N, C-alpha and C. Protein backbone atom coordinates (compact mmCIF):
# COMPACT_ATOMS: atom_id res chain seq x y z
N MET A 1 -33.21 7.98 -17.38
CA MET A 1 -32.75 7.33 -18.45
C MET A 1 -32.40 8.50 -19.59
N PRO A 2 -31.25 8.19 -20.26
CA PRO A 2 -30.78 9.14 -21.27
C PRO A 2 -31.53 8.99 -22.62
N THR A 3 -31.52 9.91 -23.29
CA THR A 3 -32.10 9.83 -24.67
C THR A 3 -31.04 9.67 -25.69
N TYR A 4 -31.43 8.63 -26.55
CA TYR A 4 -30.61 8.05 -27.43
C TYR A 4 -31.11 8.39 -28.90
N GLU A 5 -30.23 8.50 -29.88
CA GLU A 5 -30.68 8.57 -31.39
C GLU A 5 -30.12 7.33 -32.04
N MET A 6 -30.93 6.72 -32.72
CA MET A 6 -30.71 5.52 -33.78
C MET A 6 -31.12 6.00 -34.86
N SER A 7 -30.12 5.62 -36.03
CA SER A 7 -30.36 5.66 -37.20
C SER A 7 -30.17 4.50 -37.88
N ILE A 8 -31.47 4.01 -38.37
CA ILE A 8 -31.68 2.40 -38.81
C ILE A 8 -31.85 2.45 -40.19
N LEU A 9 -31.42 1.46 -41.11
CA LEU A 9 -31.48 1.13 -42.44
C LEU A 9 -32.13 0.05 -42.50
N TYR A 10 -33.01 -0.13 -43.09
CA TYR A 10 -34.05 -1.40 -43.53
C TYR A 10 -33.79 -1.51 -45.16
N ARG A 11 -33.74 -2.95 -45.29
CA ARG A 11 -33.72 -3.29 -46.74
C ARG A 11 -34.92 -2.75 -47.56
N VAL A 12 -34.98 -2.83 -48.87
CA VAL A 12 -36.28 -2.16 -49.55
C VAL A 12 -37.08 -3.37 -49.54
N LEU A 13 -38.18 -3.07 -48.75
CA LEU A 13 -39.27 -3.92 -48.63
C LEU A 13 -40.44 -3.39 -49.07
N PRO A 14 -41.47 -4.29 -49.14
CA PRO A 14 -43.03 -3.90 -49.55
C PRO A 14 -43.35 -3.25 -48.09
N LYS A 15 -44.41 -2.35 -48.39
CA LYS A 15 -44.94 -1.67 -47.32
C LYS A 15 -45.39 -2.38 -46.07
N GLU A 16 -45.93 -3.66 -46.32
CA GLU A 16 -46.56 -4.34 -45.24
C GLU A 16 -45.23 -4.93 -44.55
N LYS A 17 -44.24 -5.60 -45.13
CA LYS A 17 -43.18 -6.02 -44.55
C LYS A 17 -42.38 -5.06 -43.65
N LEU A 18 -42.35 -3.91 -44.19
CA LEU A 18 -41.52 -2.55 -43.68
C LEU A 18 -42.41 -2.24 -42.14
N LYS A 19 -43.75 -2.39 -42.23
CA LYS A 19 -44.13 -1.98 -41.14
C LYS A 19 -43.91 -3.12 -40.08
N GLU A 20 -43.94 -4.40 -40.48
CA GLU A 20 -43.63 -5.30 -39.57
C GLU A 20 -42.21 -5.09 -38.97
N ALA A 21 -40.92 -4.92 -39.72
CA ALA A 21 -39.85 -4.50 -39.42
C ALA A 21 -39.83 -3.50 -38.48
N MET A 22 -40.66 -2.50 -38.32
CA MET A 22 -40.63 -1.35 -37.75
C MET A 22 -41.26 -1.56 -36.38
N LYS A 23 -42.27 -2.54 -36.58
CA LYS A 23 -43.00 -3.00 -35.28
C LYS A 23 -42.01 -3.98 -34.16
N THR A 24 -41.31 -4.69 -35.03
CA THR A 24 -40.26 -5.57 -34.42
C THR A 24 -39.10 -4.64 -33.75
N THR A 25 -38.86 -3.38 -34.43
CA THR A 25 -37.78 -2.64 -33.88
C THR A 25 -38.39 -1.98 -32.48
N ALA A 26 -39.32 -1.51 -32.79
CA ALA A 26 -40.23 -0.81 -31.51
C ALA A 26 -40.29 -1.69 -30.39
N ASN A 27 -40.88 -2.93 -30.49
CA ASN A 27 -40.89 -4.13 -29.77
C ASN A 27 -39.59 -4.30 -28.93
N LEU A 28 -38.57 -4.37 -29.68
CA LEU A 28 -37.35 -4.80 -28.91
C LEU A 28 -36.86 -3.52 -27.97
N ILE A 29 -37.01 -2.38 -28.32
CA ILE A 29 -36.91 -1.14 -27.51
C ILE A 29 -37.68 -1.25 -26.31
N PHE A 30 -39.11 -1.66 -26.43
CA PHE A 30 -40.05 -1.79 -25.43
C PHE A 30 -39.48 -2.90 -24.46
N GLN A 31 -39.13 -3.83 -25.09
CA GLN A 31 -38.80 -5.02 -23.94
C GLN A 31 -37.69 -4.73 -23.20
N GLU A 32 -36.57 -3.76 -23.57
CA GLU A 32 -35.45 -3.43 -22.99
C GLU A 32 -35.83 -2.16 -21.95
N GLY A 33 -36.96 -1.86 -21.88
CA GLY A 33 -37.59 -0.71 -20.79
C GLY A 33 -37.20 0.54 -21.39
N GLY A 34 -37.30 0.52 -22.72
CA GLY A 34 -37.23 1.90 -23.38
C GLY A 34 -38.42 2.61 -23.84
N ILE A 35 -38.57 3.87 -23.98
CA ILE A 35 -39.54 4.66 -24.39
C ILE A 35 -39.27 5.46 -25.64
N ILE A 36 -40.12 5.09 -26.86
CA ILE A 36 -39.66 5.89 -28.13
C ILE A 36 -40.32 7.42 -27.99
N ARG A 37 -39.39 8.18 -28.30
CA ARG A 37 -39.77 9.81 -28.32
C ARG A 37 -40.20 10.21 -29.60
N LYS A 38 -39.52 9.58 -30.42
CA LYS A 38 -39.86 10.20 -32.15
C LYS A 38 -39.35 9.26 -33.10
N MET A 39 -39.97 9.14 -34.19
CA MET A 39 -39.65 8.35 -35.37
C MET A 39 -39.75 9.13 -36.47
N SER A 40 -38.54 9.18 -37.32
CA SER A 40 -38.44 9.99 -38.43
C SER A 40 -38.21 9.15 -39.81
N ASN A 41 -38.97 9.27 -40.71
CA ASN A 41 -38.82 8.73 -41.92
C ASN A 41 -37.91 9.62 -43.02
N LEU A 42 -36.70 9.14 -43.19
CA LEU A 42 -35.90 10.02 -44.37
C LEU A 42 -36.19 9.41 -45.66
N GLY A 43 -36.98 8.29 -45.78
CA GLY A 43 -37.24 7.91 -47.25
C GLY A 43 -36.19 6.84 -47.76
N GLN A 44 -36.56 6.48 -48.93
CA GLN A 44 -35.78 5.47 -49.20
C GLN A 44 -34.58 5.97 -50.36
N GLN A 45 -33.42 5.73 -50.12
CA GLN A 45 -32.10 6.53 -50.66
C GLN A 45 -31.34 5.22 -51.11
N ALA A 46 -30.28 5.52 -51.78
CA ALA A 46 -29.19 4.60 -52.22
C ALA A 46 -28.33 4.83 -51.23
N THR A 47 -27.59 3.75 -50.81
CA THR A 47 -26.59 3.64 -49.64
C THR A 47 -25.22 4.38 -50.22
N PRO A 48 -24.52 4.83 -49.20
CA PRO A 48 -23.17 5.47 -49.71
C PRO A 48 -22.14 4.44 -50.41
N TYR A 49 -22.50 3.32 -50.08
CA TYR A 49 -21.50 2.35 -50.49
C TYR A 49 -22.15 0.89 -50.69
N ARG A 50 -21.89 -0.20 -51.40
CA ARG A 50 -22.52 -1.37 -51.47
C ARG A 50 -22.39 -2.11 -50.15
N MET A 51 -23.30 -2.47 -49.41
CA MET A 51 -23.21 -3.19 -48.19
C MET A 51 -23.57 -4.65 -48.13
N PHE A 52 -22.94 -5.25 -47.56
CA PHE A 52 -23.16 -6.77 -47.60
C PHE A 52 -23.95 -7.30 -46.21
N VAL A 53 -24.95 -7.66 -46.27
CA VAL A 53 -25.92 -8.03 -44.86
C VAL A 53 -26.48 -9.57 -45.08
N HIS A 54 -25.94 -10.25 -44.21
CA HIS A 54 -26.09 -11.71 -44.24
C HIS A 54 -25.84 -12.50 -45.68
N GLY A 55 -24.75 -11.89 -46.16
CA GLY A 55 -24.39 -12.47 -47.42
C GLY A 55 -24.97 -11.90 -48.78
N GLN A 56 -26.02 -10.93 -48.64
CA GLN A 56 -26.63 -10.37 -49.97
C GLN A 56 -26.13 -8.92 -49.81
N PRO A 57 -25.72 -8.30 -51.24
CA PRO A 57 -25.68 -6.85 -51.49
C PRO A 57 -26.73 -6.17 -51.27
N VAL A 58 -26.58 -5.00 -50.68
CA VAL A 58 -27.52 -3.97 -50.53
C VAL A 58 -26.99 -2.65 -51.21
N LYS A 59 -28.01 -1.88 -52.01
CA LYS A 59 -27.57 -0.69 -52.76
C LYS A 59 -28.56 0.39 -52.34
N GLN A 60 -29.66 -0.07 -51.78
CA GLN A 60 -30.71 0.89 -51.45
C GLN A 60 -31.43 0.52 -50.19
N ALA A 61 -31.93 1.54 -49.48
CA ALA A 61 -32.44 1.24 -48.14
C ALA A 61 -33.41 2.37 -47.74
N HIS A 62 -34.30 1.97 -46.65
CA HIS A 62 -35.20 2.76 -46.12
C HIS A 62 -34.44 3.36 -45.04
N TYR A 63 -34.32 4.60 -44.87
CA TYR A 63 -33.72 5.18 -43.79
C TYR A 63 -34.63 5.83 -42.66
N PHE A 64 -34.45 5.66 -41.46
CA PHE A 64 -35.25 6.10 -40.39
C PHE A 64 -34.45 6.42 -39.02
N VAL A 65 -34.92 7.51 -38.48
CA VAL A 65 -34.28 7.76 -37.31
C VAL A 65 -35.17 7.68 -35.94
N PHE A 66 -34.83 6.97 -35.10
CA PHE A 66 -35.52 6.80 -33.85
C PHE A 66 -34.90 7.63 -32.77
N GLU A 67 -35.62 8.23 -31.89
CA GLU A 67 -35.00 8.81 -30.60
C GLU A 67 -35.93 8.23 -29.72
N PHE A 68 -35.22 7.65 -28.37
CA PHE A 68 -35.93 6.93 -27.58
C PHE A 68 -34.92 7.07 -26.13
N ASP A 69 -35.78 6.98 -25.15
CA ASP A 69 -35.25 6.87 -23.83
C ASP A 69 -34.93 5.33 -23.47
N CYS A 70 -33.66 4.85 -22.99
CA CYS A 70 -33.75 3.58 -22.37
C CYS A 70 -32.59 3.63 -21.31
N PRO A 71 -32.35 2.60 -20.53
CA PRO A 71 -31.33 2.23 -19.46
C PRO A 71 -30.26 2.09 -20.33
N VAL A 72 -28.84 2.80 -19.72
CA VAL A 72 -27.57 2.61 -20.47
C VAL A 72 -27.27 1.11 -20.35
N SER A 73 -27.77 0.38 -19.71
CA SER A 73 -27.20 -1.15 -19.65
C SER A 73 -27.91 -1.79 -20.78
N SER A 74 -28.71 -1.44 -21.33
CA SER A 74 -29.79 -2.27 -22.47
C SER A 74 -29.04 -1.74 -23.99
N VAL A 75 -28.37 -0.61 -24.20
CA VAL A 75 -27.95 -0.13 -25.23
C VAL A 75 -27.12 -0.94 -26.18
N GLN A 76 -26.29 -1.86 -25.37
CA GLN A 76 -25.35 -2.85 -26.13
C GLN A 76 -26.23 -4.17 -26.45
N LYS A 77 -27.03 -4.23 -25.83
CA LYS A 77 -28.13 -5.45 -25.96
C LYS A 77 -28.82 -5.31 -27.09
N LEU A 78 -29.48 -3.91 -27.30
CA LEU A 78 -30.23 -3.74 -28.44
C LEU A 78 -29.25 -3.72 -29.74
N SER A 79 -28.25 -2.96 -29.65
CA SER A 79 -27.51 -3.09 -30.87
C SER A 79 -27.05 -4.67 -31.44
N LEU A 80 -26.80 -5.63 -30.37
CA LEU A 80 -26.72 -6.90 -30.77
C LEU A 80 -27.80 -7.95 -31.16
N GLU A 81 -29.02 -7.19 -30.83
CA GLU A 81 -30.30 -7.68 -31.19
C GLU A 81 -30.40 -7.41 -32.72
N PHE A 82 -30.25 -6.21 -32.97
CA PHE A 82 -30.72 -5.68 -34.44
C PHE A 82 -29.61 -6.24 -35.31
N LYS A 83 -28.47 -6.89 -35.14
CA LYS A 83 -28.03 -7.48 -36.11
C LYS A 83 -28.59 -8.79 -36.33
N LYS A 84 -29.40 -9.25 -35.58
CA LYS A 84 -29.99 -10.70 -36.06
C LYS A 84 -31.00 -10.57 -37.04
N TYR A 85 -31.47 -9.33 -37.37
CA TYR A 85 -32.62 -9.85 -38.24
C TYR A 85 -32.02 -9.18 -39.62
N GLU A 86 -32.59 -9.81 -40.56
CA GLU A 86 -32.31 -9.69 -42.25
C GLU A 86 -32.77 -8.48 -42.74
N GLU A 87 -33.92 -8.05 -42.31
CA GLU A 87 -34.60 -6.74 -42.81
C GLU A 87 -33.68 -5.56 -42.30
N ILE A 88 -32.91 -5.48 -41.26
CA ILE A 88 -32.12 -4.42 -40.73
C ILE A 88 -30.77 -4.45 -41.40
N THR A 89 -30.50 -3.57 -42.29
CA THR A 89 -29.15 -3.34 -42.95
C THR A 89 -28.26 -3.08 -41.95
N ARG A 90 -28.42 -1.71 -41.30
CA ARG A 90 -27.34 -1.22 -40.34
C ARG A 90 -28.63 -0.49 -39.13
N ALA A 91 -28.05 -0.48 -38.03
CA ALA A 91 -28.57 0.30 -36.82
C ALA A 91 -27.32 0.93 -36.13
N ASN A 92 -27.17 2.24 -36.20
CA ASN A 92 -26.36 2.64 -35.11
C ASN A 92 -26.91 3.54 -34.21
N ILE A 93 -26.40 3.34 -32.68
CA ILE A 93 -27.22 4.15 -31.67
C ILE A 93 -26.06 5.02 -31.26
N PHE A 94 -26.62 6.28 -31.27
CA PHE A 94 -25.58 7.39 -30.91
C PHE A 94 -25.85 7.99 -29.41
N SER A 95 -24.96 8.28 -28.60
CA SER A 95 -25.44 8.60 -27.27
C SER A 95 -25.85 9.95 -27.16
N PRO A 96 -26.50 10.54 -26.10
CA PRO A 96 -26.96 11.90 -26.07
C PRO A 96 -25.74 12.80 -26.11
N VAL A 97 -26.04 13.83 -26.77
CA VAL A 97 -25.31 15.13 -26.67
C VAL A 97 -25.88 15.97 -25.51
N ILE A 98 -24.91 16.46 -24.72
CA ILE A 98 -25.14 17.45 -23.49
C ILE A 98 -25.04 18.64 -24.24
N PRO A 99 -25.99 19.64 -23.85
CA PRO A 99 -25.62 21.00 -24.49
C PRO A 99 -24.83 21.49 -23.30
N LEU A 100 -23.92 22.53 -23.83
CA LEU A 100 -22.99 23.27 -22.99
C LEU A 100 -23.89 24.45 -22.10
N ASP A 101 -23.52 24.58 -20.89
CA ASP A 101 -24.12 25.39 -19.77
C ASP A 101 -23.40 26.78 -19.95
N PHE A 102 -23.74 27.76 -20.16
CA PHE A 102 -22.89 29.09 -20.38
C PHE A 102 -23.55 29.92 -19.07
N SER A 103 -24.37 29.52 -18.37
CA SER A 103 -24.87 30.16 -17.22
C SER A 103 -23.81 30.50 -16.19
N ALA A 104 -22.72 29.78 -16.19
CA ALA A 104 -21.63 29.79 -15.26
C ALA A 104 -20.71 31.00 -15.62
N CYS A 105 -20.67 31.37 -16.72
CA CYS A 105 -19.64 32.22 -17.35
C CYS A 105 -20.29 33.92 -16.88
N LYS A 106 -19.25 34.27 -16.10
CA LYS A 106 -19.39 35.77 -15.51
C LYS A 106 -18.59 36.57 -16.34
N ILE A 107 -19.23 37.73 -17.16
CA ILE A 107 -18.38 38.35 -18.08
C ILE A 107 -17.63 39.30 -17.15
N GLU A 108 -18.15 39.65 -15.82
CA GLU A 108 -17.61 40.63 -15.00
C GLU A 108 -16.03 40.47 -14.39
N GLU A 109 -15.92 38.90 -14.29
CA GLU A 109 -14.58 38.30 -13.85
C GLU A 109 -13.59 37.98 -15.10
N GLU A 110 -14.41 38.03 -16.32
CA GLU A 110 -13.64 37.78 -17.36
C GLU A 110 -12.82 38.95 -17.99
N THR A 111 -13.65 40.29 -17.68
CA THR A 111 -13.17 41.40 -18.32
C THR A 111 -11.99 42.24 -17.25
N GLN A 112 -11.95 41.71 -15.95
CA GLN A 112 -11.07 42.09 -15.13
C GLN A 112 -9.60 41.99 -15.50
N ILE A 113 -8.62 43.04 -15.20
CA ILE A 113 -7.17 42.85 -15.49
C ILE A 113 -6.60 41.75 -14.66
N ALA A 114 -5.70 41.24 -15.43
CA ALA A 114 -4.90 39.77 -14.98
C ALA A 114 -4.70 39.87 -13.30
N PRO A 115 -4.17 40.52 -12.66
CA PRO A 115 -3.60 40.41 -11.52
C PRO A 115 -5.19 40.31 -10.41
N PHE A 116 -6.20 40.84 -10.82
CA PHE A 116 -7.52 40.84 -10.11
C PHE A 116 -8.28 39.59 -10.07
N ARG A 117 -8.01 38.82 -11.20
CA ARG A 117 -8.81 37.76 -11.56
C ARG A 117 -8.23 36.42 -10.71
N LYS A 118 -9.28 35.64 -10.22
CA LYS A 118 -9.09 34.60 -9.16
C LYS A 118 -8.56 33.64 -9.91
N ASP A 119 -8.68 33.16 -10.81
CA ASP A 119 -7.82 32.06 -11.77
C ASP A 119 -6.49 32.35 -11.88
N VAL A 120 -6.04 33.74 -12.10
CA VAL A 120 -4.73 34.22 -12.29
C VAL A 120 -4.23 34.16 -10.94
N ILE A 121 -4.70 34.76 -9.82
CA ILE A 121 -4.18 34.74 -8.36
C ILE A 121 -3.90 33.16 -8.10
N ARG A 122 -4.97 32.18 -8.26
CA ARG A 122 -4.58 30.74 -7.96
C ARG A 122 -3.19 30.53 -8.85
N MET A 123 -3.09 30.49 -10.02
CA MET A 123 -2.29 30.25 -10.75
C MET A 123 -0.59 30.49 -10.36
N LEU A 124 -0.93 32.02 -9.93
CA LEU A 124 0.47 32.33 -9.56
C LEU A 124 0.81 31.95 -8.21
N SER A 125 -0.11 31.82 -7.31
CA SER A 125 0.22 31.24 -6.16
C SER A 125 0.98 29.68 -6.36
N LEU A 126 0.29 29.06 -7.26
CA LEU A 126 0.71 27.71 -7.30
C LEU A 126 2.05 27.62 -7.92
N ALA A 127 2.22 28.48 -8.83
CA ALA A 127 3.80 28.63 -9.57
C ALA A 127 4.89 29.04 -8.33
N LYS A 128 4.38 30.02 -7.76
CA LYS A 128 5.16 30.29 -6.46
C LYS A 128 5.68 29.12 -5.37
N LYS A 129 4.54 28.35 -5.32
CA LYS A 129 4.89 27.25 -4.57
C LYS A 129 5.76 26.43 -4.96
N ALA A 130 5.73 26.03 -6.24
CA ALA A 130 6.51 25.20 -7.24
C ALA A 130 7.92 25.80 -7.24
N GLN A 131 7.92 26.92 -7.29
CA GLN A 131 9.36 27.59 -7.31
C GLN A 131 10.09 27.43 -5.78
N GLU A 132 9.19 27.63 -4.74
CA GLU A 132 9.84 27.30 -3.48
C GLU A 132 10.31 25.94 -3.26
N GLU A 133 9.43 24.90 -3.78
CA GLU A 133 9.97 23.43 -3.66
C GLU A 133 10.99 23.14 -4.46
N ARG A 134 11.42 24.12 -5.62
CA ARG A 134 12.59 23.67 -6.44
C ARG A 134 13.75 24.24 -5.63
N ASP A 135 13.57 25.53 -5.16
CA ASP A 135 14.74 26.27 -4.39
C ASP A 135 15.08 25.67 -3.03
N GLU A 136 14.14 24.73 -2.58
CA GLU A 136 14.56 24.34 -1.13
C GLU A 136 15.76 23.83 -0.89
N GLY A 137 16.27 23.10 -1.75
CA GLY A 137 17.71 22.49 -1.48
C GLY A 137 18.58 23.09 -1.91
N LYS A 138 18.62 24.36 -2.62
CA LYS A 138 19.80 25.20 -2.78
C LYS A 138 20.07 26.03 -1.64
N THR A 139 21.55 26.26 -1.71
CA THR A 139 21.98 27.15 -0.59
C THR A 139 21.95 28.76 -1.13
N LYS A 140 21.75 29.51 -0.26
CA LYS A 140 21.58 30.92 -0.47
C LYS A 140 22.91 31.53 -0.04
N PRO A 141 23.45 32.48 -0.89
CA PRO A 141 24.46 33.19 -0.54
C PRO A 141 24.35 34.06 0.62
N ASN A 142 25.39 34.35 1.63
CA ASN A 142 25.13 35.02 2.70
C ASN A 142 26.20 36.05 2.92
N HIS A 143 26.76 36.87 1.79
CA HIS A 143 27.44 37.69 1.76
C HIS A 143 27.32 38.95 1.84
N GLY A 144 26.00 39.37 1.60
CA GLY A 144 25.44 40.71 1.37
C GLY A 144 25.64 41.59 0.12
N LEU A 145 25.99 41.10 -0.73
CA LEU A 145 26.43 41.54 -2.02
C LEU A 145 25.13 41.59 -2.85
N ASP A 146 24.84 42.40 -3.90
CA ASP A 146 23.73 42.44 -4.89
C ASP A 146 24.24 41.58 -5.86
N PHE A 147 25.14 40.94 -5.96
CA PHE A 147 25.36 39.92 -7.13
C PHE A 147 26.16 38.91 -6.47
N ASP A 148 26.03 37.73 -7.37
CA ASP A 148 26.87 36.58 -6.98
C ASP A 148 28.13 36.51 -7.16
N PRO A 149 29.53 36.63 -6.42
CA PRO A 149 30.43 36.60 -6.99
C PRO A 149 31.09 35.31 -7.42
N PHE A 150 30.27 34.24 -7.11
CA PHE A 150 30.80 32.83 -7.41
C PHE A 150 29.86 32.07 -8.16
N PRO A 151 29.47 32.43 -9.37
CA PRO A 151 28.59 31.74 -10.35
C PRO A 151 28.69 30.38 -10.50
N LEU A 152 27.78 29.54 -10.35
CA LEU A 152 28.09 28.02 -10.79
C LEU A 152 27.95 27.75 -12.25
């Protein structure tokens, strides 16, 4: 199961109702077979713009970030479920970011001069094959001169 990150905005609620909304969110993740790895509270902040949720304007929200593992098939179900609750202003689920693997980079190969690099040799052979295919239908002069006396 890949790890996902979800930023979620709750309406400005009293502490008890906010706790209930967070339990509901966690239970939805658990019902879909997910495991919560980390929850971060970013506090109550003003929204970047006025949002309308279920017909009511929202100017401030409680910001939280959830990191959780869940099956790929249940991510869309979760995002649809979160839209049903009035306490949740916005929930965005982000797919995992795969770090780049630099272990395959070999500095010895990269510092060689061009004619000895494997990728350059392969590229030159492909270019030579392509040139041969293009020249296949052309006639070759058979007169023995160093130049072509009949240029086209």
